[in-house]
Amino acid sequence: MKRHKEFANRLHALSPRFAYIPKEDRFLMDPGPLKYRFNVIGVGVNGQEHIAVTLLEGRCTVHGVYDPNPLSVEAARRVKARFSDEPLVVYESLEAACSDPQVDALIICTPNHTHLEVLKVAVQSGKHILLEKPMATNIPDAYEIWQIAQNYPKVLQIGLQYRYKPIYVEAIHEAKVRRSLGEIKTITILEHREPFLDKVGQWNKFSKYSGGTLVEKCCHYFDLFNLFAESRPVSVYAVGSQAVNFREFEYRGERSDILDNAFVIVEYENGVRANFNLCMFAPMVYEEIVICGDEGRLKASEGVNGQAYSRWANYLEVVALPDRTSRTMTPSYPAIIEETGHSGATYHEHLRFIEAMDGQPTSAATAEEGFWSVVVGVAAEESVRRGRKVLIQELLAEHGLAHLA
């Protein structure tokens, strides 16, 4: 006999509005049995986002957190309290947070320059790990993390979640599954946005801690370049400057040195060329991708315009040759998911993490993919400093990694 299927809108199960309903009274609003418990290491703004999407999704929970900043811990408690009355365990040390036997997985959201050292402790636990981007601030550390991942028996996923933003999900489908554009030849991505926000310790204002703007922020876009190009980068040429933001900013006797604008050109082994346009002193948050193939062109964009009486909807268009269809669309997730941050991409990154923990195939970023996104970012930063094109083979050779090029 065919089993009857209820029309159960999962959005009702996700909404904190219905958190008051006891578990035994949940039917349409039941997210299913609890699958895994997470600990979050580092609960600044990104760590809090991971807590929110974990609890919103409902099949996993955040058991505890570790962060030396008491205000961050209190903020994490408030996030969990929106969804659950289960108390949040607060650990006194990184080692305690990583080794708790009640926990199945760790989410690492500490400052960029600490990732390798935190990961070395985390892997001793043998738990599944989600490591935030960029996986490292330099090539040697990124390579070491890649090598750790190759021999690690559990999931070690890298937090390059932009590939799950609605516009990029659909762009990937059009370009790589439907092949609406034919063979990809050029890729352009533009990001115009406000400056970096404040962080505890202001580490994101200094290249030695963040890796530089083109590593810290733009590894997302270089990951997308690599995905669409399906090839290894050969060279990177970049120009940029610190034109507006933090030019007079000092913290503990050090002057900020991060770029706030750049143009980056990446050439690939297969002939694909990509270019990136960054401005971080614009009064909005806007990004756009244009991909041109030998049979069509795709353009997609998303943005938040807080300065004018207008709303920018997500947008995607495919203009193809006459023998196939062209189309426009407004890719989106439900508002309750998109509002959790990163246009809902972190939520869907968590779905992929759960699938990987379940042993299912996943499209989430691997440590190898994370490594190559860092390589392009470091090459771009070096190109700005050196004032010339940087050859990837030469850059890798400088770190004893010529065999990778």
Protein backbone atom coordinates (compact mmCIF):
# COMPACT_ATOMS: atom_id res chain seq x y z
CA MET A 1 0.00 0.00 0.00
CA LYS A 2 1.30 3.41 -0.93
CA ARG A 3 2.11 5.46 2.16
CA HIS A 4 0.22 8.72 2.52
CA LYS A 5 2.40 11.82 2.53
CA GLU A 6 1.38 14.89 4.49
CA PHE A 7 1.96 18.32 2.99
CA ALA A 8 4.27 19.38 5.82
CA ASN A 9 5.76 22.79 5.15
CA ARG A 10 9.19 22.55 6.75
CA LEU A 11 9.21 26.32 7.28
CA HIS A 12 6.80 25.83 10.17
CA ALA A 13 9.20 23.40 11.80
CA LEU A 14 12.03 25.89 11.34
CA SER A 15 10.34 28.95 12.79
CA PRO A 16 11.35 29.95 16.35
CA ARG A 17 7.74 31.18 16.74
CA PHE A 18 6.71 27.59 17.36
CA ALA A 19 9.50 26.68 19.76
CA TYR A 20 6.94 26.59 22.60
CA ILE A 21 5.22 23.48 21.21
CA PRO A 22 6.37 20.38 23.14
CA LYS A 23 8.17 17.73 21.14
CA GLU A 24 5.42 15.16 21.75
CA ASP A 25 2.87 17.59 20.21
CA ARG A 26 4.82 18.15 17.02
CA PHE A 27 3.57 16.53 13.83
CA LEU A 28 3.72 18.91 10.86
CA MET A 29 6.34 20.88 12.79
CA ASP A 30 8.57 17.95 13.68
CA PRO A 31 12.09 18.41 12.20
CA GLY A 32 12.87 14.75 12.79
CA PRO A 33 15.13 12.97 15.29
CA LEU A 34 18.25 14.67 16.60
CA LYS A 35 21.18 13.49 14.48
CA TYR A 36 24.32 15.22 15.73
CA ARG A 37 25.67 17.56 18.40
CA PHE A 38 28.12 20.31 17.46
CA ASN A 39 30.57 22.41 19.40
CA VAL A 40 31.43 25.81 17.95
CA ILE A 41 34.96 27.10 18.46
CA GLY A 42 34.92 30.90 18.22
CA VAL A 43 31.52 32.57 18.51
CA GLY A 44 31.91 35.98 16.96
CA VAL A 45 29.48 36.97 14.22
CA ASN A 46 30.28 33.93 12.03
CA GLY A 47 30.14 31.48 14.91
CA GLN A 48 26.77 32.89 15.95
CA GLU A 49 25.51 32.45 12.39
CA HIS A 50 26.53 28.79 12.51
CA ILE A 51 24.67 28.37 15.80
CA ALA A 52 21.54 29.96 14.34
CA VAL A 53 21.45 27.85 11.18
CA THR A 54 22.16 24.65 13.11
CA LEU A 55 19.22 25.24 15.43
CA LEU A 56 16.99 26.55 12.65
CA GLU A 57 17.56 23.43 10.55
CA GLY A 58 16.56 21.40 13.60
CA ARG A 59 18.07 17.95 13.07
CA CYS A 60 21.28 18.89 14.90
CA THR A 61 22.00 21.05 17.91
CA VAL A 62 24.82 23.13 19.30
CA HIS A 63 25.95 21.48 22.51
CA GLY A 64 28.60 23.97 23.57
CA VAL A 65 31.04 26.72 22.67
CA TYR A 66 34.57 27.85 23.39
CA ASP A 67 35.62 31.48 23.09
CA PRO A 68 37.88 33.49 25.44
CA ASN A 69 35.73 36.61 24.97
CA PRO A 70 32.86 36.59 27.55
CA LEU A 71 30.70 38.94 25.46
CA SER A 72 30.84 36.54 22.51
CA VAL A 73 29.77 33.68 24.76
CA GLU A 74 26.82 35.70 26.07
CA ALA A 75 25.79 36.50 22.50
CA ALA A 76 25.97 32.79 21.65
CA ARG A 77 23.72 32.00 24.62
CA ARG A 78 21.15 34.51 23.34
CA VAL A 79 21.17 32.95 19.87
CA LYS A 80 20.55 29.46 21.24
CA ALA A 81 17.83 30.71 23.58
CA ARG A 82 15.80 31.85 20.56
CA PHE A 83 15.36 28.21 19.56
CA SER A 84 15.90 26.05 22.62
CA ASP A 85 15.80 26.11 26.42
CA GLU A 86 18.63 23.55 26.56
CA PRO A 87 21.59 25.25 28.29
CA LEU A 88 24.72 25.97 26.29
CA VAL A 89 27.87 24.30 27.64
CA VAL A 90 30.75 26.78 27.92
CA TYR A 91 34.22 25.22 27.95
CA GLU A 92 37.24 26.60 29.73
CA SER A 93 39.73 25.40 27.12
CA LEU A 94 39.99 24.52 23.45
CA GLU A 95 41.06 20.99 24.36
CA ALA A 96 37.97 20.44 26.50
CA ALA A 97 35.66 21.69 23.75
CA CYS A 98 37.25 19.43 21.16
CA SER A 99 37.39 16.26 23.26
CA ASP A 100 33.90 16.16 24.81
CA PRO A 101 32.56 12.66 24.05
CA GLN A 102 28.97 13.96 23.88
CA VAL A 103 29.80 15.90 20.71
CA ASP A 104 29.92 14.56 17.14
CA ALA A 105 31.41 17.50 15.23
CA LEU A 106 33.32 20.75 15.59
CA ILE A 107 32.78 24.04 13.76
CA ILE A 108 35.89 26.25 13.81
CA CYS A 109 35.24 29.99 13.44
CA THR A 110 38.34 31.48 15.05
CA PRO A 111 40.44 34.30 13.48
CA ASN A 112 42.07 33.28 10.20
CA HIS A 113 45.65 33.14 11.43
CA THR A 114 44.73 30.65 14.18
CA HIS A 115 43.10 28.04 11.96
CA LEU A 116 46.02 25.66 11.60
CA GLU A 117 46.89 25.58 15.29
CA VAL A 118 43.24 25.15 16.31
CA LEU A 119 42.80 22.42 13.71
CA LYS A 120 45.82 20.52 15.05
CA VAL A 121 44.02 20.28 18.38
CA ALA A 122 40.64 19.53 16.81
CA VAL A 123 41.83 16.57 14.72
CA GLN A 124 43.06 14.83 17.86
CA SER A 125 39.38 14.33 18.70
CA GLY A 126 38.63 12.30 15.58
CA LYS A 127 35.37 14.26 15.15
CA HIS A 128 33.88 15.68 11.96
CA ILE A 129 35.09 19.24 11.33
CA LEU A 130 33.78 22.28 9.48
CA LEU A 131 36.62 24.81 9.16
CA GLU A 132 35.69 28.36 8.24
CA LYS A 133 37.25 30.17 5.31
CA PRO A 134 39.90 31.05 4.44
CA MET A 135 41.38 27.76 5.60
CA ALA A 136 44.69 29.61 6.18
CA THR A 137 46.33 32.98 5.61
CA ASN A 138 49.31 31.67 3.64
CA ILE A 139 50.24 28.87 1.27
CA PRO A 140 52.34 26.68 3.62
CA ASP A 141 49.61 26.57 6.28
CA ALA A 142 46.94 25.90 3.64
CA TYR A 143 49.01 23.06 2.20
CA GLU A 144 49.51 21.54 5.66
CA ILE A 145 45.76 21.61 6.26
CA TRP A 146 45.18 19.95 2.89
CA GLN A 147 47.62 17.19 3.86
CA ILE A 148 45.91 16.75 7.24
CA ALA A 149 42.57 16.39 5.46
CA GLN A 150 43.88 13.74 3.04
CA ASN A 151 44.63 11.39 5.93
CA TYR A 152 41.77 12.39 8.22
CA PRO A 153 39.19 9.60 8.70
CA LYS A 154 36.22 11.94 9.19
CA VAL A 155 34.70 14.86 7.27
CA LEU A 156 36.88 17.97 7.06
CA GLN A 157 34.81 20.51 5.16
CA ILE A 158 35.94 24.05 4.29
CA GLY A 159 33.47 26.91 4.78
CA LEU A 160 33.39 28.29 1.24
CA GLN A 161 29.63 28.59 1.31
CA TYR A 162 29.15 31.22 -1.42
CA ARG A 163 28.71 28.35 -3.86
CA TYR A 164 25.34 27.87 -2.09
CA LYS A 165 24.05 31.41 -2.51
CA PRO A 166 20.90 31.21 -4.67
CA ILE A 167 22.37 33.09 -7.63
CA TYR A 168 25.46 30.88 -7.70
CA VAL A 169 23.52 27.64 -7.23
CA GLU A 170 21.54 28.48 -10.35
CA ALA A 171 24.58 29.80 -12.22
CA ILE A 172 26.45 26.55 -11.51
CA HIS A 173 23.43 24.55 -12.70
CA GLU A 174 23.07 26.56 -15.92
CA ALA A 175 26.77 26.54 -16.75
CA LYS A 176 27.84 23.07 -15.61
CA VAL A 177 24.70 20.89 -15.67
CA ARG A 178 22.51 22.33 -18.43
CA ARG A 179 25.59 23.68 -20.22
CA SER A 180 23.47 26.58 -21.41
CA LEU A 181 26.56 28.65 -22.23
CA GLY A 182 28.51 26.00 -24.11
CA GLU A 183 32.21 26.06 -23.30
CA ILE A 184 33.02 28.74 -20.73
CA LYS A 185 35.59 31.28 -21.88
CA THR A 186 35.44 34.27 -19.51
CA ILE A 187 34.20 34.92 -15.96
CA THR A 188 33.67 38.29 -14.30
CA ILE A 189 32.71 38.85 -10.66
CA LEU A 190 32.12 42.22 -9.04
CA GLU A 191 31.65 42.96 -5.35
CA HIS A 192 30.89 46.46 -4.09
CA ARG A 193 30.22 46.72 -0.37
CA GLU A 194 30.84 48.54 2.88
CA PRO A 195 34.12 48.15 4.84
CA PHE A 196 35.07 45.25 7.08
CA LEU A 197 33.17 45.32 10.37
CA ASP A 198 34.83 45.46 13.76
CA LYS A 199 36.13 42.21 15.23
CA VAL A 200 37.39 41.25 18.67
CA GLY A 201 41.06 42.24 18.55
CA GLN A 202 40.50 43.94 15.17
CA TRP A 203 42.46 41.15 13.47
CA ASN A 204 40.68 41.70 10.15
CA LYS A 205 42.32 45.12 9.74
CA PHE A 206 45.81 43.62 9.40
CA SER A 207 47.11 41.42 6.60
CA LYS A 208 49.38 39.38 8.85
CA TYR A 209 46.33 38.11 10.74
CA SER A 210 43.71 37.99 7.97
CA GLY A 211 45.91 37.05 5.01
CA GLY A 212 44.95 40.33 3.36
CA THR A 213 41.63 41.36 1.86
CA LEU A 214 42.10 39.25 -1.28
CA VAL A 215 42.54 36.14 0.88
CA GLU A 216 40.18 36.92 3.77
CA LYS A 217 37.14 38.06 1.80
CA CYS A 218 37.80 37.18 -1.80
CA CYS A 219 38.71 33.50 -1.42
CA HIS A 220 34.94 32.97 -1.86
CA TYR A 221 35.06 34.43 -5.36
CA PHE A 222 38.30 32.70 -6.30
CA ASP A 223 36.66 29.42 -5.26
CA LEU A 224 33.86 30.24 -7.70
CA PHE A 225 36.37 31.09 -10.42
CA ASN A 226 38.03 27.71 -9.92
CA LEU A 227 34.67 25.91 -9.94
CA PHE A 228 33.54 27.46 -13.21
CA ALA A 229 36.94 27.28 -14.93
CA GLU A 230 37.44 23.61 -13.95
CA SER A 231 41.17 24.13 -14.37
CA ARG A 232 44.27 25.15 -12.43
CA PRO A 233 45.27 28.83 -12.28
CA VAL A 234 48.44 29.72 -14.20
CA SER A 235 48.92 33.40 -13.41
CA VAL A 236 47.39 36.24 -11.42
CA TYR A 237 47.77 39.96 -12.04
CA ALA A 238 46.27 42.42 -9.57
CA VAL A 239 46.32 46.09 -8.74
CA GLY A 240 44.81 47.57 -5.59
CA SER A 241 45.23 50.08 -2.81
CA GLN A 242 44.04 51.32 0.55
CA ALA A 243 42.20 54.32 -0.84
CA VAL A 244 39.59 55.11 1.82
CA ASN A 245 39.14 52.61 4.66
CA PHE A 246 41.24 52.53 7.85
CA ARG A 247 44.06 54.68 6.45
CA GLU A 248 44.52 56.31 9.86
CA PHE A 249 43.45 53.32 11.91
CA GLU A 250 45.92 52.10 14.52
CA TYR A 251 45.48 49.31 17.02
CA ARG A 252 48.01 48.46 19.69
CA GLY A 253 50.66 50.48 17.93
CA GLU A 254 50.15 48.99 14.47
CA ARG A 255 48.76 50.73 11.38
CA SER A 256 46.11 48.96 9.30
CA ASP A 257 47.41 47.75 5.92
CA ILE A 258 44.49 46.03 4.20
CA LEU A 259 43.36 46.76 0.63
CA ASP A 260 39.93 48.30 0.15
CA ASN A 261 39.81 48.07 -3.67
CA ALA A 262 41.36 45.84 -6.30
CA PHE A 263 41.17 44.53 -9.85
CA VAL A 264 42.34 40.93 -10.30
CA ILE A 265 42.88 38.93 -13.51
CA VAL A 266 43.33 35.15 -13.32
CA GLU A 267 44.43 33.00 -16.27
CA TYR A 268 43.83 29.24 -16.31
CA GLU A 269 45.58 26.31 -17.97
CA ASN A 270 42.60 25.65 -20.26
CA GLY A 271 42.49 29.24 -21.56
CA VAL A 272 39.65 30.49 -19.36
CA ARG A 273 40.19 34.04 -18.12
CA ALA A 274 38.54 35.52 -15.04
CA ASN A 275 38.50 39.03 -13.63
CA PHE A 276 37.39 40.35 -10.26
CA ASN A 277 36.43 43.91 -9.31
CA LEU A 278 36.37 44.81 -5.59
CA CYS A 279 35.32 48.03 -3.91
CA MET A 280 34.87 48.11 -0.12
CA PHE A 281 33.83 51.72 0.32
CA ALA A 282 30.48 51.58 -1.46
CA PRO A 283 27.22 52.46 0.37
CA MET A 284 25.58 49.11 -0.37
CA VAL A 285 26.23 45.38 -0.60
CA TYR A 286 26.14 44.21 -4.21
CA GLU A 287 27.70 41.39 -6.19
CA GLU A 288 27.42 40.29 -9.77
CA ILE A 289 28.73 37.51 -11.96
CA VAL A 290 28.91 37.43 -15.76
CA ILE A 291 29.97 34.25 -17.55
CA CYS A 292 30.48 34.11 -21.29
CA GLY A 293 30.68 30.86 -23.22
CA ASP A 294 30.82 30.06 -26.91
CA GLU A 295 27.04 29.47 -26.97
CA GLY A 296 25.63 31.95 -24.46
CA ARG A 297 26.02 34.50 -21.69
CA LEU A 298 24.87 34.40 -18.06
CA LYS A 299 24.50 37.36 -15.73
CA ALA A 300 23.39 37.11 -12.09
CA SER A 301 23.32 39.59 -9.24
CA GLU A 302 22.22 40.13 -5.66
CA GLY A 303 22.30 43.17 -3.45
CA VAL A 304 20.98 45.17 -0.54
CA ASN A 305 20.50 48.87 -1.19
CA GLY A 306 19.95 50.65 2.11
CA GLN A 307 20.45 54.15 0.75
CA ALA A 308 17.52 54.51 -1.65
CA TYR A 309 13.82 53.75 -1.89
CA SER A 310 14.31 50.60 -3.91
CA ARG A 311 14.74 46.89 -3.36
CA TRP A 312 17.15 44.81 -5.40
CA ALA A 313 15.81 41.33 -6.00
CA ASN A 314 18.11 38.45 -6.84
CA TYR A 315 18.35 38.23 -10.61
CA LEU A 316 19.69 35.78 -13.17
CA GLU A 317 19.48 35.83 -16.94
CA VAL A 318 20.71 33.46 -19.60
CA VAL A 319 20.95 34.74 -23.16
CA ALA A 320 21.61 31.80 -25.48
CA LEU A 321 21.95 31.15 -29.19
CA PRO A 322 18.64 30.92 -31.10
CA ASP A 323 18.59 27.12 -31.13
CA ARG A 324 18.03 26.94 -27.36
CA THR A 325 15.95 28.79 -24.76
CA SER A 326 16.94 31.98 -22.97
CA ARG A 327 15.47 32.79 -19.58
CA THR A 328 15.34 35.10 -16.59
CA MET A 329 14.67 34.20 -12.97
CA THR A 330 14.85 35.44 -9.39
CA PRO A 331 16.63 32.64 -7.49
CA SER A 332 15.90 32.64 -3.77
CA TYR A 333 15.44 30.61 -0.62
CA PRO A 334 12.60 31.21 1.84
CA ALA A 335 13.07 34.49 3.70
CA ILE A 336 13.50 32.76 7.08
CA ILE A 337 16.56 30.97 5.65
CA GLU A 338 18.04 33.90 3.70
CA GLU A 339 17.79 36.15 6.75
CA THR A 340 20.14 33.91 8.74
CA GLY A 341 23.04 35.37 6.76
CA HIS A 342 25.00 35.02 3.53
CA SER A 343 21.71 34.84 1.62
CA GLY A 344 20.97 31.46 3.17
CA ALA A 345 24.22 29.92 1.93
CA THR A 346 25.44 28.96 5.42
CA TYR A 347 22.19 27.07 6.06
CA HIS A 348 22.68 25.03 2.90
CA GLU A 349 26.35 24.54 3.71
CA HIS A 350 25.15 22.87 6.93
CA LEU A 351 22.86 20.58 4.94
CA ARG A 352 25.89 19.45 2.93
CA PHE A 353 27.87 18.97 6.17
CA ILE A 354 25.14 16.72 7.57
CA GLU A 355 24.98 14.76 4.31
CA ALA A 356 28.75 14.25 4.39
CA MET A 357 28.59 13.11 8.02
CA ASP A 358 25.91 10.63 6.93
CA GLY A 359 28.32 9.26 4.33
CA GLN A 360 26.51 10.76 1.34
CA PRO A 361 28.22 12.45 -1.65
CA THR A 362 28.59 16.20 -1.17
CA SER A 363 29.30 19.28 -3.25
CA ALA A 364 30.81 21.15 -0.28
CA ALA A 365 34.31 22.59 -0.56
CA THR A 366 37.13 20.17 0.14
CA ALA A 367 40.48 21.06 1.67
CA GLU A 368 42.03 20.78 -1.80
CA GLU A 369 39.55 23.32 -3.17
CA GLY A 370 40.14 25.51 -0.15
CA PHE A 371 43.88 25.36 -0.82
CA TRP A 372 43.54 26.59 -4.40
CA SER A 373 41.25 29.46 -3.36
CA VAL A 374 43.97 30.57 -0.93
CA VAL A 375 46.65 30.21 -3.64
CA VAL A 376 44.81 32.61 -5.95
CA GLY A 377 44.20 35.05 -3.09
CA VAL A 378 47.85 35.00 -1.98
CA ALA A 379 48.99 35.41 -5.60
CA ALA A 380 46.72 38.44 -5.95
CA GLU A 381 48.07 40.02 -2.75
CA GLU A 382 51.63 39.33 -3.92
CA SER A 383 50.91 40.80 -7.36
CA VAL A 384 49.76 44.05 -5.76
CA ARG A 385 52.90 44.16 -3.60
CA ARG A 386 55.31 43.24 -6.40
CA GLY A 387 53.65 45.37 -9.08
CA ARG A 388 53.67 42.59 -11.67
CA LYS A 389 51.99 39.39 -12.80
CA VAL A 390 52.60 36.44 -10.48
CA LEU A 391 53.09 33.01 -12.04
CA ILE A 392 51.52 30.32 -9.89
CA GLN A 393 54.30 27.82 -10.59
CA GLU A 394 56.92 30.29 -9.37
CA LEU A 395 54.86 31.22 -6.30
CA LEU A 396 54.43 27.58 -5.33
CA ALA A 397 58.12 26.91 -5.95
CA GLU A 398 58.97 29.64 -3.46
CA HIS A 399 57.27 27.45 -0.84
CA GLY A 400 58.74 24.17 -2.04
CA LEU A 401 55.49 23.15 -3.77
CA ALA A 402 56.45 23.37 -7.47
CA HIS A 403 55.16 19.82 -7.99
CA LEU A 404 51.59 21.09 -7.56
CA ALA A 405 51.60 23.49 -10.51
